[in-house]
Amino acid sequence: MAEATHRLRDVLAEQRFPAARWELIARALHYGADVHTLRELHALPEARYRCLAEVERAVANMHSPG
């Protein structure tokens, strides 16, 4: 999971928050994010995220069992 957090921090370093899911995806595309990061961002619930930590928690929750 640390790898995903590192990737998200690199990709979203310049992102202003709060941000909608589509804004996170647009930033990742502009950055040239890898397929894994793009897949994770597309899988996020449609929401407005208040900060990077909130995005990281949402991605972590997708990876946690049950």
Protein backbone atom coordinates (compact mmCIF):
# COMPACT_ATOMS: atom_id res chain seq x y z
CA MET A 1 0.00 0.00 0.00
CA ALA A 2 2.92 2.35 0.59
CA GLU A 3 3.67 2.20 -3.12
CA ALA A 4 0.16 3.44 -3.99
CA THR A 5 0.48 6.28 -1.47
CA HIS A 6 3.84 7.30 -2.93
CA ARG A 7 2.43 7.25 -6.47
CA LEU A 8 -0.61 9.30 -5.46
CA ARG A 9 1.55 11.89 -3.70
CA ASP A 10 3.75 12.28 -6.77
CA VAL A 11 0.84 12.51 -9.20
CA LEU A 12 -1.36 14.79 -7.09
CA ALA A 13 1.38 17.00 -5.60
CA GLU A 14 0.18 20.06 -7.53
CA GLN A 15 -3.55 19.34 -7.10
CA ARG A 16 -5.62 21.97 -5.31
CA PHE A 17 -8.19 20.72 -2.83
CA PRO A 18 -11.06 20.29 -2.42
CA ALA A 19 -11.26 18.44 -5.71
CA ALA A 20 -13.79 16.25 -7.47
CA ARG A 21 -12.83 12.81 -8.70
CA TRP A 22 -12.76 14.03 -12.31
CA GLU A 23 -10.24 16.74 -11.32
CA LEU A 24 -7.97 14.12 -9.75
CA ILE A 25 -8.16 12.04 -12.92
CA ALA A 26 -7.46 15.08 -15.11
CA ARG A 27 -4.40 15.97 -13.00
CA ALA A 28 -3.16 12.38 -13.21
CA LEU A 29 -3.55 12.35 -16.99
CA HIS A 30 -1.71 15.68 -17.26
CA TYR A 31 1.06 14.28 -15.05
CA GLY A 32 1.36 11.14 -17.16
CA ALA A 33 0.37 8.77 -14.37
CA ASP A 34 0.86 5.04 -14.75
CA VAL A 35 -2.05 2.70 -15.48
CA HIS A 36 -2.29 1.50 -11.85
CA THR A 37 -2.73 5.02 -10.49
CA LEU A 38 -5.29 5.90 -13.16
CA ARG A 39 -7.21 2.70 -12.44
CA GLU A 40 -7.31 3.54 -8.71
CA LEU A 41 -8.53 7.08 -9.35
CA HIS A 42 -11.23 5.90 -11.76
CA ALA A 43 -12.40 3.39 -9.13
CA LEU A 44 -12.86 6.07 -6.46
CA PRO A 45 -16.42 6.95 -5.50
CA GLU A 46 -17.75 10.04 -7.23
CA ALA A 47 -17.15 12.64 -4.53
CA ARG A 48 -15.42 15.88 -3.64
CA TYR A 49 -12.21 15.12 -1.74
CA ARG A 50 -11.07 17.66 0.86
CA CYS A 51 -7.38 16.74 0.86
CA LEU A 52 -4.79 14.28 -0.42
CA ALA A 53 -5.03 12.25 2.80
CA GLU A 54 -8.73 11.69 2.09
CA VAL A 55 -7.89 10.40 -1.39
CA GLU A 56 -5.21 8.11 0.08
CA ARG A 57 -7.70 6.72 2.62
CA ALA A 58 -10.29 6.07 -0.09
CA VAL A 59 -7.73 4.18 -2.20
CA ALA A 60 -6.58 2.21 0.85
CA ASN A 61 -10.17 1.25 1.62
CA MET A 62 -10.54 -0.14 -1.90
CA HIS A 63 -7.55 -2.41 -1.27
CA SER A 64 -8.54 -3.60 2.20
CA PRO A 65 -10.41 -6.91 2.42
CA GLY A 66 -14.05 -7.05 3.32
